[in-house]
Amino acid sequence: MKKILRKGETYIGIQYDSGDFSNNLYCSTSLYSNDVEKIIELDFSKINNARIRTDSNDDLESLMENSDKISQIDFSDKQITGKLIRNGIKQNEILLVEFVSKEKRTDRMQIVFSDLETFKLVKN
């Protein structure tokens, strides 16, 4: 069963292996599991469906083209952090991360909680 972690959107920061970064992206977040692993879904549909093209569209295109080069995703959202912890996500746990846009990309990342408000997903 898919659990919505936040109604609405949350802004995220993305860092790439090259040192480039993006902080113009926002997404809805969900958590679910299959028989084997826990999955966090980052859905960027609102950016794709926007009528006006902004920097977020350019950053999303870059994200989808370079998803294999992401080193870290930063979150600063107390509600999402709390729901992850209440749903049994543990420090340094490996999650499957799904990037949903016009297409879907997946990657395995480790979750690192900094405090009750911030966490990051780090590529191993």
PDB file of N, CA and C in Angstrom:
ATOM      1  N   MET A   1       0.831  -1.168   0.000  1.00  0.00           N
ATOM      2  CA  MET A   1       0.000   0.000   0.000  1.00  0.00           C
ATOM      3  C   MET A   1       0.891   1.252   0.000  1.00  0.00           C
ATOM      4  N   LYS A   2       0.561   2.181  -0.863  1.00  0.00           N
ATOM      5  CA  LYS A   2       1.338   3.415  -0.966  1.00  0.00           C
ATOM      6  C   LYS A   2       0.899   4.396   0.103  1.00  0.00           C
ATOM      7  N   LYS A   3       1.864   4.950   0.839  1.00  0.00           N
ATOM      8  CA  LYS A   3       1.586   5.938   1.882  1.00  0.00           C
ATOM      9  C   LYS A   3       2.125   7.289   1.420  1.00  0.00           C
ATOM     10  N   ILE A   4       1.236   8.264   1.336  1.00  0.00           N
ATOM     11  CA  ILE A   4       1.643   9.617   0.964  1.00  0.00           C
ATOM     12  C   ILE A   4       2.366  10.222   2.163  1.00  0.00           C
ATOM     13  N   LEU A   5       3.578  10.701   1.953  1.00  0.00           N
ATOM     14  CA  LEU A   5       4.359  11.273   3.047  1.00  0.00           C
ATOM     15  C   LEU A   5       4.037  12.745   3.282  1.00  0.00           C
ATOM     16  N   ARG A   6       3.554  13.408   2.251  1.00  0.00           N
ATOM     17  CA  ARG A   6       3.182  14.817   2.396  1.00  0.00           C
ATOM     18  C   ARG A   6       2.171  15.147   1.316  1.00  0.00           C
ATOM     19  N   LYS A   7       1.049  15.747   1.720  1.00  0.00           N
ATOM     20  CA  LYS A   7       0.105  16.236   0.729  1.00  0.00           C
ATOM     21  C   LYS A   7       0.699  17.511   0.169  1.00  0.00           C
ATOM     22  N   GLY A   8       0.763  17.605  -1.115  1.00  0.00           N
ATOM     23  CA  GLY A   8       1.396  18.758  -1.730  1.00  0.00           C
ATOM     24  C   GLY A   8       2.840  18.448  -2.074  1.00  0.00           C
ATOM     25  N   GLU A   9       3.582  19.477  -2.329  1.00  0.00           N
ATOM     26  CA  GLU A   9       4.941  19.334  -2.829  1.00  0.00           C
ATOM     27  C   GLU A   9       5.960  19.736  -1.770  1.00  0.00           C
ATOM     28  N   THR A  10       7.149  19.198  -1.908  1.00  0.00           N
ATOM     29  CA  THR A  10       8.262  19.606  -1.060  1.00  0.00           C
ATOM     30  C   THR A  10       9.467  19.876  -1.956  1.00  0.00           C
ATOM     31  N   TYR A  11      10.232  20.887  -1.618  1.00  0.00           N
ATOM     32  CA  TYR A  11      11.434  21.200  -2.387  1.00  0.00           C
ATOM     33  C   TYR A  11      12.582  20.306  -1.943  1.00  0.00           C
ATOM     34  N   ILE A  12      13.401  19.897  -2.908  1.00  0.00           N
ATOM     35  CA  ILE A  12      14.558  19.056  -2.616  1.00  0.00           C
ATOM     36  C   ILE A  12      15.792  19.676  -3.255  1.00  0.00           C
ATOM     37  N   GLY A  13      16.944  19.346  -2.720  1.00  0.00           N
ATOM     38  CA  GLY A  13      18.220  19.758  -3.292  1.00  0.00           C
ATOM     39  C   GLY A  13      18.922  18.520  -3.825  1.00  0.00           C
ATOM     40  N   ILE A  14      19.453  18.610  -5.015  1.00  0.00           N
ATOM     41  CA  ILE A  14      20.131  17.466  -5.628  1.00  0.00           C
ATOM     42  C   ILE A  14      21.575  17.832  -5.894  1.00  0.00           C
ATOM     43  N   GLN A  15      22.483  16.937  -5.519  1.00  0.00           N
ATOM     44  CA  GLN A  15      23.906  17.114  -5.806  1.00  0.00           C
ATOM     45  C   GLN A  15      24.351  15.987  -6.724  1.00  0.00           C
ATOM     46  N   TYR A  16      25.169  16.344  -7.695  1.00  0.00           N
ATOM     47  CA  TYR A  16      25.668  15.374  -8.672  1.00  0.00           C
ATOM     48  C   TYR A  16      27.140  15.074  -8.404  1.00  0.00           C
ATOM     49  N   ASP A  17      27.614  13.947  -8.936  1.00  0.00           N
ATOM     50  CA  ASP A  17      29.015  13.553  -8.787  1.00  0.00           C
ATOM     51  C   ASP A  17      29.970  14.633  -9.277  1.00  0.00           C
ATOM     52  N   SER A  18      29.562  15.378 -10.286  1.00  0.00           N
ATOM     53  CA  SER A  18      30.416  16.404 -10.891  1.00  0.00           C
ATOM     54  C   SER A  18      30.556  17.647 -10.013  1.00  0.00           C
ATOM     55  N   GLY A  19      29.749  17.738  -8.959  1.00  0.00           N
ATOM     56  CA  GLY A  19      29.769  18.928  -8.109  1.00  0.00           C
ATOM     57  C   GLY A  19      28.623  19.872  -8.426  1.00  0.00           C
ATOM     58  N   ASP A  20      27.931  19.663  -9.558  1.00  0.00           N
ATOM     59  CA  ASP A  20      26.770  20.483  -9.894  1.00  0.00           C
ATOM     60  C   ASP A  20      25.658  20.204  -8.892  1.00  0.00           C
ATOM     61  N   PHE A  21      24.729  21.145  -8.783  1.00  0.00           N
ATOM     62  CA  PHE A  21      23.604  20.951  -7.879  1.00  0.00           C
ATOM     63  C   PHE A  21      22.374  21.644  -8.425  1.00  0.00           C
ATOM     64  N   SER A  22      21.219  21.278  -7.890  1.00  0.00           N
ATOM     65  CA  SER A  22      19.953  21.883  -8.266  1.00  0.00           C
ATOM     66  C   SER A  22      19.115  22.048  -7.010  1.00  0.00           C
ATOM     67  N   ASN A  23      18.484  23.193  -6.868  1.00  0.00           N
ATOM     68  CA  ASN A  23      17.554  23.374  -5.759  1.00  0.00           C
ATOM     69  C   ASN A  23      16.239  23.980  -6.237  1.00  0.00           C
ATOM     70  N   ASN A  24      15.926  23.809  -7.529  1.00  0.00           N
ATOM     71  CA  ASN A  24      14.673  24.305  -8.094  1.00  0.00           C
ATOM     72  C   ASN A  24      13.635  23.211  -8.262  1.00  0.00           C
ATOM     73  N   LEU A  25      13.897  22.020  -7.714  1.00  0.00           N
ATOM     74  CA  LEU A  25      12.976  20.909  -7.927  1.00  0.00           C
ATOM     75  C   LEU A  25      12.036  20.718  -6.746  1.00  0.00           C
ATOM     76  N   TYR A  26      10.822  20.364  -7.046  1.00  0.00           N
ATOM     77  CA  TYR A  26       9.836  20.021  -6.026  1.00  0.00           C
ATOM     78  C   TYR A  26       9.087  18.782  -6.489  1.00  0.00           C
ATOM     79  N   CYS A  27       8.617  18.004  -5.532  1.00  0.00           N
ATOM     80  CA  CYS A  27       7.963  16.747  -5.872  1.00  0.00           C
ATOM     81  C   CYS A  27       7.008  16.335  -4.766  1.00  0.00           C
ATOM     82  N   SER A  28       6.121  15.415  -5.096  1.00  0.00           N
ATOM     83  CA  SER A  28       5.329  14.766  -4.058  1.00  0.00           C
ATOM     84  C   SER A  28       6.074  13.487  -3.688  1.00  0.00           C
ATOM     85  N   THR A  29       5.932  13.050  -2.454  1.00  0.00           N
ATOM     86  CA  THR A  29       6.688  11.890  -1.977  1.00  0.00           C
ATOM     87  C   THR A  29       5.753  10.844  -1.403  1.00  0.00           C
ATOM     88  N   SER A  30       6.052   9.589  -1.718  1.00  0.00           N
ATOM     89  CA  SER A  30       5.276   8.460  -1.207  1.00  0.00           C
ATOM     90  C   SER A  30       6.238   7.364  -0.786  1.00  0.00           C
ATOM     91  N   LEU A  31       5.754   6.494   0.086  1.00  0.00           N
ATOM     92  CA  LEU A  31       6.528   5.359   0.556  1.00  0.00           C
ATOM     93  C   LEU A  31       5.680   4.110   0.396  1.00  0.00           C
ATOM     94  N   TYR A  32       6.266   3.070  -0.178  1.00  0.00           N
ATOM     95  CA  TYR A  32       5.584   1.782  -0.249  1.00  0.00           C
ATOM     96  C   TYR A  32       6.629   0.693  -0.289  1.00  0.00           C
ATOM     97  N   SER A  33       6.186  -0.544  -0.221  1.00  0.00           N
ATOM     98  CA  SER A  33       7.137  -1.652  -0.271  1.00  0.00           C
ATOM     99  C   SER A  33       6.573  -2.765  -1.127  1.00  0.00           C
ATOM    100  N   ASN A  34       7.472  -3.498  -1.737  1.00  0.00           N
ATOM    101  CA  ASN A  34       7.086  -4.726  -2.413  1.00  0.00           C
ATOM    102  C   ASN A  34       7.510  -5.862  -1.493  1.00  0.00           C
ATOM    103  N   ASP A  35       7.566  -7.054  -1.967  1.00  0.00           N
ATOM    104  CA  ASP A  35       7.915  -8.186  -1.107  1.00  0.00           C
ATOM    105  C   ASP A  35       9.363  -8.152  -0.638  1.00  0.00           C
ATOM    106  N   VAL A  36      10.213  -7.398  -1.322  1.00  0.00           N
ATOM    107  CA  VAL A  36      11.644  -7.447  -1.068  1.00  0.00           C
ATOM    108  C   VAL A  36      12.196  -6.190  -0.410  1.00  0.00           C
ATOM    109  N   GLU A  37      11.742  -5.004  -0.842  1.00  0.00           N
ATOM    110  CA  GLU A  37      12.384  -3.779  -0.358  1.00  0.00           C
ATOM    111  C   GLU A  37      11.402  -2.624  -0.208  1.00  0.00           C
ATOM    112  N   LYS A  38      11.867  -1.579   0.489  1.00  0.00           N
ATOM    113  CA  LYS A  38      11.082  -0.367   0.685  1.00  0.00           C
ATOM    114  C   LYS A  38      11.427   0.615  -0.428  1.00  0.00           C
ATOM    115  N   ILE A  39      10.407   1.311  -0.901  1.00  0.00           N
ATOM    116  CA  ILE A  39      10.570   2.203  -2.045  1.00  0.00           C
ATOM    117  C   ILE A  39      10.047   3.581  -1.680  1.00  0.00           C
ATOM    118  N   ILE A  40      10.850   4.608  -1.955  1.00  0.00           N
ATOM    119  CA  ILE A  40      10.389   5.988  -1.808  1.00  0.00           C
ATOM    120  C   ILE A  40      10.242   6.543  -3.223  1.00  0.00           C
ATOM    121  N   GLU A  41       9.063   7.079  -3.489  1.00  0.00           N
ATOM    122  CA  GLU A  41       8.755   7.595  -4.817  1.00  0.00           C
ATOM    123  C   GLU A  41       8.797   9.117  -4.799  1.00  0.00           C
ATOM    124  N   LEU A  42       9.529   9.696  -5.726  1.00  0.00           N
ATOM    125  CA  LEU A  42       9.599  11.150  -5.906  1.00  0.00           C
ATOM    126  C   LEU A  42       8.896  11.458  -7.220  1.00  0.00           C
ATOM    127  N   ASP A  43       7.718  12.053  -7.143  1.00  0.00           N
ATOM    128  CA  ASP A  43       6.876  12.275  -8.318  1.00  0.00           C
ATOM    129  C   ASP A  43       6.949  13.743  -8.738  1.00  0.00           C
ATOM    130  N   PHE A  44       7.472  13.959  -9.937  1.00  0.00           N
ATOM    131  CA  PHE A  44       7.668  15.311 -10.464  1.00  0.00           C
ATOM    132  C   PHE A  44       6.600  15.689 -11.492  1.00  0.00           C
ATOM    133  N   SER A  45       5.450  15.035 -11.466  1.00  0.00           N
ATOM    134  CA  SER A  45       4.396  15.255 -12.462  1.00  0.00           C
ATOM    135  C   SER A  45       3.932  16.703 -12.532  1.00  0.00           C
ATOM    136  N   LYS A  46       3.878  17.388 -11.393  1.00  0.00           N
ATOM    137  CA  LYS A  46       3.406  18.784 -11.416  1.00  0.00           C
ATOM    138  C   LYS A  46       4.328  19.679 -12.236  1.00  0.00           C
ATOM    139  N   ILE A  47       5.616  19.404 -12.212  1.00  0.00           N
ATOM    140  CA  ILE A  47       6.538  20.194 -13.038  1.00  0.00           C
ATOM    141  C   ILE A  47       6.261  19.917 -14.510  1.00  0.00           C
ATOM    142  N   ASN A  48       6.096  18.632 -14.852  1.00  0.00           N
ATOM    143  CA  ASN A  48       5.822  18.261 -16.243  1.00  0.00           C
ATOM    144  C   ASN A  48       4.520  18.847 -16.758  1.00  0.00           C
ATOM    145  N   ASN A  49       3.507  18.911 -15.903  1.00  0.00           N
ATOM    146  CA  ASN A  49       2.185  19.350 -16.329  1.00  0.00           C
ATOM    147  C   ASN A  49       1.988  20.859 -16.259  1.00  0.00           C
ATOM    148  N   ALA A  50       2.983  21.583 -15.770  1.00  0.00           N
ATOM    149  CA  ALA A  50       2.861  23.041 -15.664  1.00  0.00           C
ATOM    150  C   ALA A  50       2.772  23.673 -17.054  1.00  0.00           C
ATOM    151  N   ARG A  51       1.951  24.669 -17.164  1.00  0.00           N
ATOM    152  CA  ARG A  51       1.775  25.337 -18.464  1.00  0.00           C
ATOM    153  C   ARG A  51       2.932  26.272 -18.792  1.00  0.00           C
ATOM    154  N   ILE A  52       3.539  26.819 -17.763  1.00  0.00           N
ATOM    155  CA  ILE A  52       4.642  27.754 -17.973  1.00  0.00           C
ATOM    156  C   ILE A  52       5.951  27.044 -17.681  1.00  0.00           C
ATOM    157  N   ARG A  53       6.886  27.183 -18.594  1.00  0.00           N
ATOM    158  CA  ARG A  53       8.191  26.543 -18.440  1.00  0.00           C
ATOM    159  C   ARG A  53       9.077  27.420 -17.543  1.00  0.00           C
ATOM    160  N   THR A  54       9.701  26.797 -16.535  1.00  0.00           N
ATOM    161  CA  THR A  54      10.538  27.528 -15.587  1.00  0.00           C
ATOM    162  C   THR A  54      11.885  26.815 -15.444  1.00  0.00           C
ATOM    163  N   ASP A  55      12.713  27.323 -14.529  1.00  0.00           N
ATOM    164  CA  ASP A  55      13.990  26.672 -14.240  1.00  0.00           C
ATOM    165  C   ASP A  55      13.779  25.244 -13.733  1.00  0.00           C
ATOM    166  N   SER A  56      12.645  25.002 -13.087  1.00  0.00           N
ATOM    167  CA  SER A  56      12.362  23.657 -12.579  1.00  0.00           C
ATOM    168  C   SER A  56      12.271  22.644 -13.716  1.00  0.00           C
ATOM    169  N   ASN A  57      11.721  23.054 -14.870  1.00  0.00           N
ATOM    170  CA  ASN A  57      11.645  22.143 -16.011  1.00  0.00           C
ATOM    171  C   ASN A  57      13.041  21.771 -16.501  1.00  0.00           C
ATOM    172  N   ASP A  58      13.923  22.762 -16.580  1.00  0.00           N
ATOM    173  CA  ASP A  58      15.298  22.496 -17.015  1.00  0.00           C
ATOM    174  C   ASP A  58      16.011  21.581 -16.025  1.00  0.00           C
ATOM    175  N   ASP A  59      15.817  21.834 -14.736  1.00  0.00           N
ATOM    176  CA  ASP A  59      16.444  21.003 -13.709  1.00  0.00           C
ATOM    177  C   ASP A  59      15.897  19.584 -13.737  1.00  0.00           C
ATOM    178  N   LEU A  60      14.608  19.432 -14.019  1.00  0.00           N
ATOM    179  CA  LEU A  60      14.012  18.101 -14.101  1.00  0.00           C
ATOM    180  C   LEU A  60      14.567  17.329 -15.294  1.00  0.00           C
ATOM    181  N   GLU A  61      14.713  17.992 -16.429  1.00  0.00           N
ATOM    182  CA  GLU A  61      15.312  17.329 -17.595  1.00  0.00           C
ATOM    183  C   GLU A  61      16.725  16.863 -17.271  1.00  0.00           C
ATOM    184  N   SER A  62      17.486  17.712 -16.622  1.00  0.00           N
ATOM    185  CA  SER A  62      18.846  17.358 -16.231  1.00  0.00           C
ATOM    186  C   SER A  62      18.838  16.175 -15.260  1.00  0.00           C
ATOM    187  N   LEU A  63      17.914  16.192 -14.305  1.00  0.00           N
ATOM    188  CA  LEU A  63      17.809  15.095 -13.340  1.00  0.00           C
ATOM    189  C   LEU A  63      17.539  13.774 -14.047  1.00  0.00           C
ATOM    190  N   MET A  64      16.584  13.763 -14.950  1.00  0.00           N
ATOM    191  CA  MET A  64      16.212  12.514 -15.612  1.00  0.00           C
ATOM    192  C   MET A  64      17.331  12.025 -16.544  1.00  0.00           C
ATOM    193  N   GLU A  65      18.034  12.936 -17.174  1.00  0.00           N
ATOM    194  CA  GLU A  65      19.138  12.542 -18.053  1.00  0.00           C
ATOM    195  C   GLU A  65      20.353  12.066 -17.255  1.00  0.00           C
ATOM    196  N   ASN A  66      20.519  12.585 -16.037  1.00  0.00           N
ATOM    197  CA  ASN A  66      21.714  12.291 -15.243  1.00  0.00           C
ATOM    198  C   ASN A  66      21.404  11.597 -13.921  1.00  0.00           C
ATOM    199  N   SER A  67      20.299  10.867 -13.855  1.00  0.00           N
ATOM    200  CA  SER A  67      19.905  10.237 -12.592  1.00  0.00           C
ATOM    201  C   SER A  67      20.968   9.264 -12.080  1.00  0.00           C
ATOM    202  N   ASP A  68      21.746   8.693 -12.980  1.00  0.00           N
ATOM    203  CA  ASP A  68      22.814   7.772 -12.563  1.00  0.00           C
ATOM    204  C   ASP A  68      24.010   8.506 -11.956  1.00  0.00           C
ATOM    205  N   LYS A  69      24.039   9.842 -12.084  1.00  0.00           N
ATOM    206  CA  LYS A  69      25.170  10.626 -11.580  1.00  0.00           C
ATOM    207  C   LYS A  69      24.828  11.401 -10.302  1.00  0.00           C
ATOM    208  N   ILE A  70      23.663  11.123  -9.715  1.00  0.00           N
ATOM    209  CA  ILE A  70      23.269  11.794  -8.478  1.00  0.00           C
ATOM    210  C   ILE A  70      24.098  11.235  -7.333  1.00  0.00           C
ATOM    211  N   SER A  71      24.648  12.119  -6.518  1.00  0.00           N
ATOM    212  CA  SER A  71      25.385  11.654  -5.338  1.00  0.00           C
ATOM    213  C   SER A  71      24.549  11.800  -4.072  1.00  0.00           C
ATOM    214  N   GLN A  72      23.633  12.795  -4.038  1.00  0.00           N
ATOM    215  CA  GLN A  72      22.888  13.054  -2.806  1.00  0.00           C
ATOM    216  C   GLN A  72      21.623  13.854  -3.104  1.00  0.00           C
ATOM    217  N   ILE A  73      20.547  13.551  -2.358  1.00  0.00           N
ATOM    218  CA  ILE A  73      19.302  14.318  -2.414  1.00  0.00           C
ATOM    219  C   ILE A  73      19.018  14.795  -0.996  1.00  0.00           C
ATOM    220  N   ASP A  74      18.855  16.103  -0.829  1.00  0.00           N
ATOM    221  CA  ASP A  74      18.629  16.695   0.491  1.00  0.00           C
ATOM    222  C   ASP A  74      17.160  17.071   0.685  1.00  0.00           C
ATOM    223  N   PHE A  75      16.616  16.712   1.838  1.00  0.00           N
ATOM    224  CA  PHE A  75      15.251  17.050   2.223  1.00  0.00           C
ATOM    225  C   PHE A  75      15.291  17.851   3.520  1.00  0.00           C
ATOM    226  N   SER A  76      14.444  18.842   3.617  1.00  0.00           N
ATOM    227  CA  SER A  76      14.280  19.578   4.868  1.00  0.00           C
ATOM    228  C   SER A  76      12.776  19.709   5.099  1.00  0.00           C
ATOM    229  N   ASP A  77      12.177  18.660   5.648  1.00  0.00           N
ATOM    230  CA  ASP A  77      10.733  18.615   5.821  1.00  0.00           C
ATOM    231  C   ASP A  77      10.410  17.760   7.038  1.00  0.00           C
ATOM    232  N   LYS A  78      10.004  18.401   8.097  1.00  0.00           N
ATOM    233  CA  LYS A  78       9.744  17.709   9.368  1.00  0.00           C
ATOM    234  C   LYS A  78       8.646  16.658   9.230  1.00  0.00           C
ATOM    235  N   GLN A  79       7.617  16.956   8.449  1.00  0.00           N
ATOM    236  CA  GLN A  79       6.506  16.019   8.276  1.00  0.00           C
ATOM    237  C   GLN A  79       6.962  14.735   7.592  1.00  0.00           C
ATOM    238  N   ILE A  80       7.720  14.851   6.525  1.00  0.00           N
ATOM    239  CA  ILE A  80       8.192  13.665   5.800  1.00  0.00           C
ATOM    240  C   ILE A  80       9.153  12.871   6.677  1.00  0.00           C
ATOM    241  N   THR A  81      10.077  13.552   7.335  1.00  0.00           N
ATOM    242  CA  THR A  81      11.035  12.862   8.210  1.00  0.00           C
ATOM    243  C   THR A  81      10.305  12.071   9.289  1.00  0.00           C
ATOM    244  N   GLY A  82       9.341  12.693   9.935  1.00  0.00           N
ATOM    245  CA  GLY A  82       8.579  12.024  10.984  1.00  0.00           C
ATOM    246  C   GLY A  82       7.832  10.807  10.476  1.00  0.00           C
ATOM    247  N   LYS A  83       7.201  10.933   9.303  1.00  0.00           N
ATOM    248  CA  LYS A  83       6.448   9.802   8.753  1.00  0.00           C
ATOM    249  C   LYS A  83       7.372   8.654   8.351  1.00  0.00           C
ATOM    250  N   LEU A  84       8.547   8.970   7.843  1.00  0.00           N
ATOM    251  CA  LEU A  84       9.502   7.903   7.510  1.00  0.00           C
ATOM    252  C   LEU A  84       9.900   7.127   8.758  1.00  0.00           C
ATOM    253  N   ILE A  85      10.199   7.850   9.825  1.00  0.00           N
ATOM    254  CA  ILE A  85      10.612   7.203  11.079  1.00  0.00           C
ATOM    255  C   ILE A  85       9.461   6.381  11.654  1.00  0.00           C
ATOM    256  N   ARG A  86       8.251   6.940  11.657  1.00  0.00           N
ATOM    257  CA  ARG A  86       7.083   6.208  12.179  1.00  0.00           C
ATOM    258  C   ARG A  86       6.760   4.965  11.346  1.00  0.00           C
ATOM    259  N   ASN A  87       7.141   4.973  10.080  1.00  0.00           N
ATOM    260  CA  ASN A  87       6.891   3.823   9.211  1.00  0.00           C
ATOM    261  C   ASN A  87       8.053   2.832   9.201  1.00  0.00           C
ATOM    262  N   GLY A  88       8.959   2.976  10.157  1.00  0.00           N
ATOM    263  CA  GLY A  88       9.992   1.965  10.352  1.00  0.00           C
ATOM    264  C   GLY A  88      11.251   2.115   9.521  1.00  0.00           C
ATOM    265  N   ILE A  89      11.437   3.268   8.874  1.00  0.00           N
ATOM    266  CA  ILE A  89      12.677   3.490   8.128  1.00  0.00           C
ATOM    267  C   ILE A  89      13.771   3.798   9.142  1.00  0.00           C
ATOM    268  N   LYS A  90      14.880   3.088   9.018  1.00  0.00           N
ATOM    269  CA  LYS A  90      15.966   3.220   9.987  1.00  0.00           C
ATOM    270  C   LYS A  90      17.161   3.959   9.384  1.00  0.00           C
ATOM    271  N   GLN A  91      17.956   4.556  10.269  1.00  0.00           N
ATOM    272  CA  GLN A  91      19.184   5.254   9.870  1.00  0.00           C
ATOM    273  C   GLN A  91      20.043   4.323   9.013  1.00  0.00           C
ATOM    274  N   ASN A  92      20.560   4.816   7.903  1.00  0.00           N
ATOM    275  CA  ASN A  92      21.452   4.121   6.982  1.00  0.00           C
ATOM    276  C   ASN A  92      20.800   2.968   6.228  1.00  0.00           C
ATOM    277  N   GLU A  93      19.479   2.890   6.260  1.00  0.00           N
ATOM    278  CA  GLU A  93      18.778   1.842   5.510  1.00  0.00           C
ATOM    279  C   GLU A  93      18.881   2.120   4.009  1.00  0.00           C
ATOM    280  N   ILE A  94      18.994   1.069   3.239  1.00  0.00           N
ATOM    281  CA  ILE A  94      19.041   1.185   1.779  1.00  0.00           C
ATOM    282  C   ILE A  94      17.612   1.134   1.250  1.00  0.00           C
ATOM    283  N   LEU A  95      17.244   2.135   0.459  1.00  0.00           N
ATOM    284  CA  LEU A  95      15.914   2.212  -0.141  1.00  0.00           C
ATOM    285  C   LEU A  95      16.039   2.242  -1.654  1.00  0.00           C
ATOM    286  N   LEU A  96      15.008   1.789  -2.330  1.00  0.00           N
ATOM    287  CA  LEU A  96      14.921   1.969  -3.767  1.00  0.00           C
ATOM    288  C   LEU A  96      14.235   3.319  -3.975  1.00  0.00           C
ATOM    289  N   VAL A  97      14.840   4.214  -4.735  1.00  0.00           N
ATOM    290  CA  VAL A  97      14.280   5.536  -4.992  1.00  0.00           C
ATOM    291  C   VAL A  97      13.782   5.561  -6.426  1.00  0.00           C
ATOM    292  N   GLU A  98      12.499   5.899  -6.594  1.00  0.00           N
ATOM    293  CA  GLU A  98      11.902   6.010  -7.928  1.00  0.00           C
ATOM    294  C   GLU A  98      11.713   7.479  -8.266  1.00  0.00           C
ATOM    295  N   PHE A  99      12.244   7.873  -9.410  1.00  0.00           N
ATOM    296  CA  PHE A  99      12.064   9.223  -9.933  1.00  0.00           C
ATOM    297  C   PHE A  99      10.983   9.124 -11.001  1.00  0.00           C
ATOM    298  N   VAL A 100       9.822   9.746 -10.763  1.00  0.00           N
ATOM    299  CA  VAL A 100       8.704   9.635 -11.690  1.00  0.00           C
ATOM    300  C   VAL A 100       8.517  10.972 -12.394  1.00  0.00           C
ATOM    301  N   SER A 101       8.586  10.922 -13.725  1.00  0.00           N
ATOM    302  CA  SER A 101       8.359  12.090 -14.552  1.00  0.00           C
ATOM    303  C   SER A 101       7.589  11.589 -15.765  1.00  0.00           C
ATOM    304  N   LYS A 102       8.019  11.945 -16.965  1.00  0.00           N
ATOM    305  CA  LYS A 102       7.410  11.352 -18.158  1.00  0.00           C
ATOM    306  C   LYS A 102       7.754   9.866 -18.223  1.00  0.00           C
ATOM    307  N   GLU A 103       8.867   9.533 -17.642  1.00  0.00           N
ATOM    308  CA  GLU A 103       9.317   8.148 -17.534  1.00  0.00           C
ATOM    309  C   GLU A 103       9.719   7.894 -16.087  1.00  0.00           C
ATOM    310  N   LYS A 104      10.066   6.661 -15.769  1.00  0.00           N
ATOM    311  CA  LYS A 104      10.432   6.313 -14.402  1.00  0.00           C
ATOM    312  C   LYS A 104      11.862   5.790 -14.389  1.00  0.00           C
ATOM    313  N   ARG A 105      12.651   6.305 -13.449  1.00  0.00           N
ATOM    314  CA  ARG A 105      14.024   5.837 -13.226  1.00  0.00           C
ATOM    315  C   ARG A 105      14.131   5.387 -11.776  1.00  0.00           C
ATOM    316  N   THR A 106      14.966   4.411 -11.519  1.00  0.00           N
ATOM    317  CA  THR A 106      15.142   3.946 -10.145  1.00  0.00           C
ATOM    318  C   THR A 106      16.616   3.857  -9.799  1.00  0.00           C
ATOM    319  N   ASP A 107      16.894   3.964  -8.523  1.00  0.00           N
ATOM    320  CA  ASP A 107      18.258   3.847  -8.029  1.00  0.00           C
ATOM    321  C   ASP A 107      18.197   3.464  -6.552  1.00  0.00           C
ATOM    322  N   ARG A 108      19.217   2.806  -6.070  1.00  0.00           N
ATOM    323  CA  ARG A 108      19.305   2.469  -4.654  1.00  0.00           C
ATOM    324  C   ARG A 108      20.120   3.550  -3.944  1.00  0.00           C
ATOM    325  N   MET A 109      19.559   4.012  -2.807  1.00  0.00           N
ATOM    326  CA  MET A 109      20.230   5.049  -2.045  1.00  0.00           C
ATOM    327  C   MET A 109      20.065   4.754  -0.555  1.00  0.00           C
ATOM    328  N   GLN A 110      20.985   5.279   0.220  1.00  0.00           N
ATOM    329  CA  GLN A 110      20.991   5.099   1.671  1.00  0.00           C
ATOM    330  C   GLN A 110      20.404   6.349   2.316  1.00  0.00           C
ATOM    331  N   ILE A 111      19.531   6.155   3.314  1.00  0.00           N
ATOM    332  CA  ILE A 111      18.927   7.295   3.989  1.00  0.00           C
ATOM    333  C   ILE A 111      19.751   7.639   5.231  1.00  0.00           C
ATOM    334  N   VAL A 112      20.022   8.937   5.385  1.00  0.00           N
ATOM    335  CA  VAL A 112      20.783   9.419   6.535  1.00  0.00           C
ATOM    336  C   VAL A 112      19.981  10.555   7.170  1.00  0.00           C
ATOM    337  N   PHE A 113      19.472  10.299   8.390  1.00  0.00           N
ATOM    338  CA  PHE A 113      18.727  11.317   9.121  1.00  0.00           C
ATOM    339  C   PHE A 113      19.722  12.224   9.844  1.00  0.00           C
ATOM    340  N   SER A 114      19.604  13.532   9.622  1.00  0.00           N
ATOM    341  CA  SER A 114      20.470  14.496  10.300  1.00  0.00           C
ATOM    342  C   SER A 114      19.863  14.920  11.630  1.00  0.00           C
ATOM    343  N   ASP A 115      18.577  15.190  11.620  1.00  0.00           N
ATOM    344  CA  ASP A 115      17.828  15.550  12.825  1.00  0.00           C
ATOM    345  C   ASP A 115      16.357  15.269  12.539  1.00  0.00           C
ATOM    346  N   LEU A 116      15.451  15.780  13.358  1.00  0.00           N
ATOM    347  CA  LEU A 116      14.033  15.488  13.163  1.00  0.00           C
ATOM    348  C   LEU A 116      13.413  16.220  11.987  1.00  0.00           C
ATOM    349  N   GLU A 117      14.173  17.104  11.362  1.00  0.00           N
ATOM    350  CA  GLU A 117      13.625  17.860  10.240  1.00  0.00           C
ATOM    351  C   GLU A 117      14.316  17.558   8.918  1.00  0.00           C
ATOM    352  N   THR A 118      15.558  17.142   8.959  1.00  0.00           N
ATOM    353  CA  THR A 118      16.306  16.976   7.717  1.00  0.00           C
ATOM    354  C   THR A 118      16.864  15.562   7.571  1.00  0.00           C
ATOM    355  N   PHE A 119      16.928  15.137   6.329  1.00  0.00           N
ATOM    356  CA  PHE A 119      17.571  13.871   6.001  1.00  0.00           C
ATOM    357  C   PHE A 119      18.072  13.962   4.567  1.00  0.00           C
ATOM    358  N   LYS A 120      18.883  13.019   4.201  1.00  0.00           N
ATOM    359  CA  LYS A 120      19.379  12.974   2.833  1.00  0.00           C
ATOM    360  C   LYS A 120      19.402  11.527   2.358  1.00  0.00           C
ATOM    361  N   LEU A 121      19.275  11.382   1.067  1.00  0.00           N
ATOM    362  CA  LEU A 121      19.428  10.102   0.409  1.00  0.00           C
ATOM    363  C   LEU A 121      20.783  10.152  -0.288  1.00  0.00           C
ATOM    364  N   VAL A 122      21.644   9.196   0.036  1.00  0.00           N
ATOM    365  CA  VAL A 122      23.016   9.218  -0.466  1.00  0.00           C
ATOM    366  C   VAL A 122      23.277   7.954  -1.285  1.00  0.00           C
ATOM    367  N   LYS A 123      23.901   8.158  -2.433  1.00  0.00           N
ATOM    368  CA  LYS A 123      24.255   7.007  -3.257  1.00  0.00           C
ATOM    369  C   LYS A 123      25.432   6.289  -2.626  1.00  0.00           C
ATOM    370  N   ASN A 124      25.345   4.973  -2.581  1.00  0.00           N
ATOM    371  CA  ASN A 124      26.438   4.165  -1.992  1.00  0.00           C
ATOM    372  C   ASN A 124      27.612   4.085  -2.930  1.00  0.00           C
TER     373      ASN A 124
END
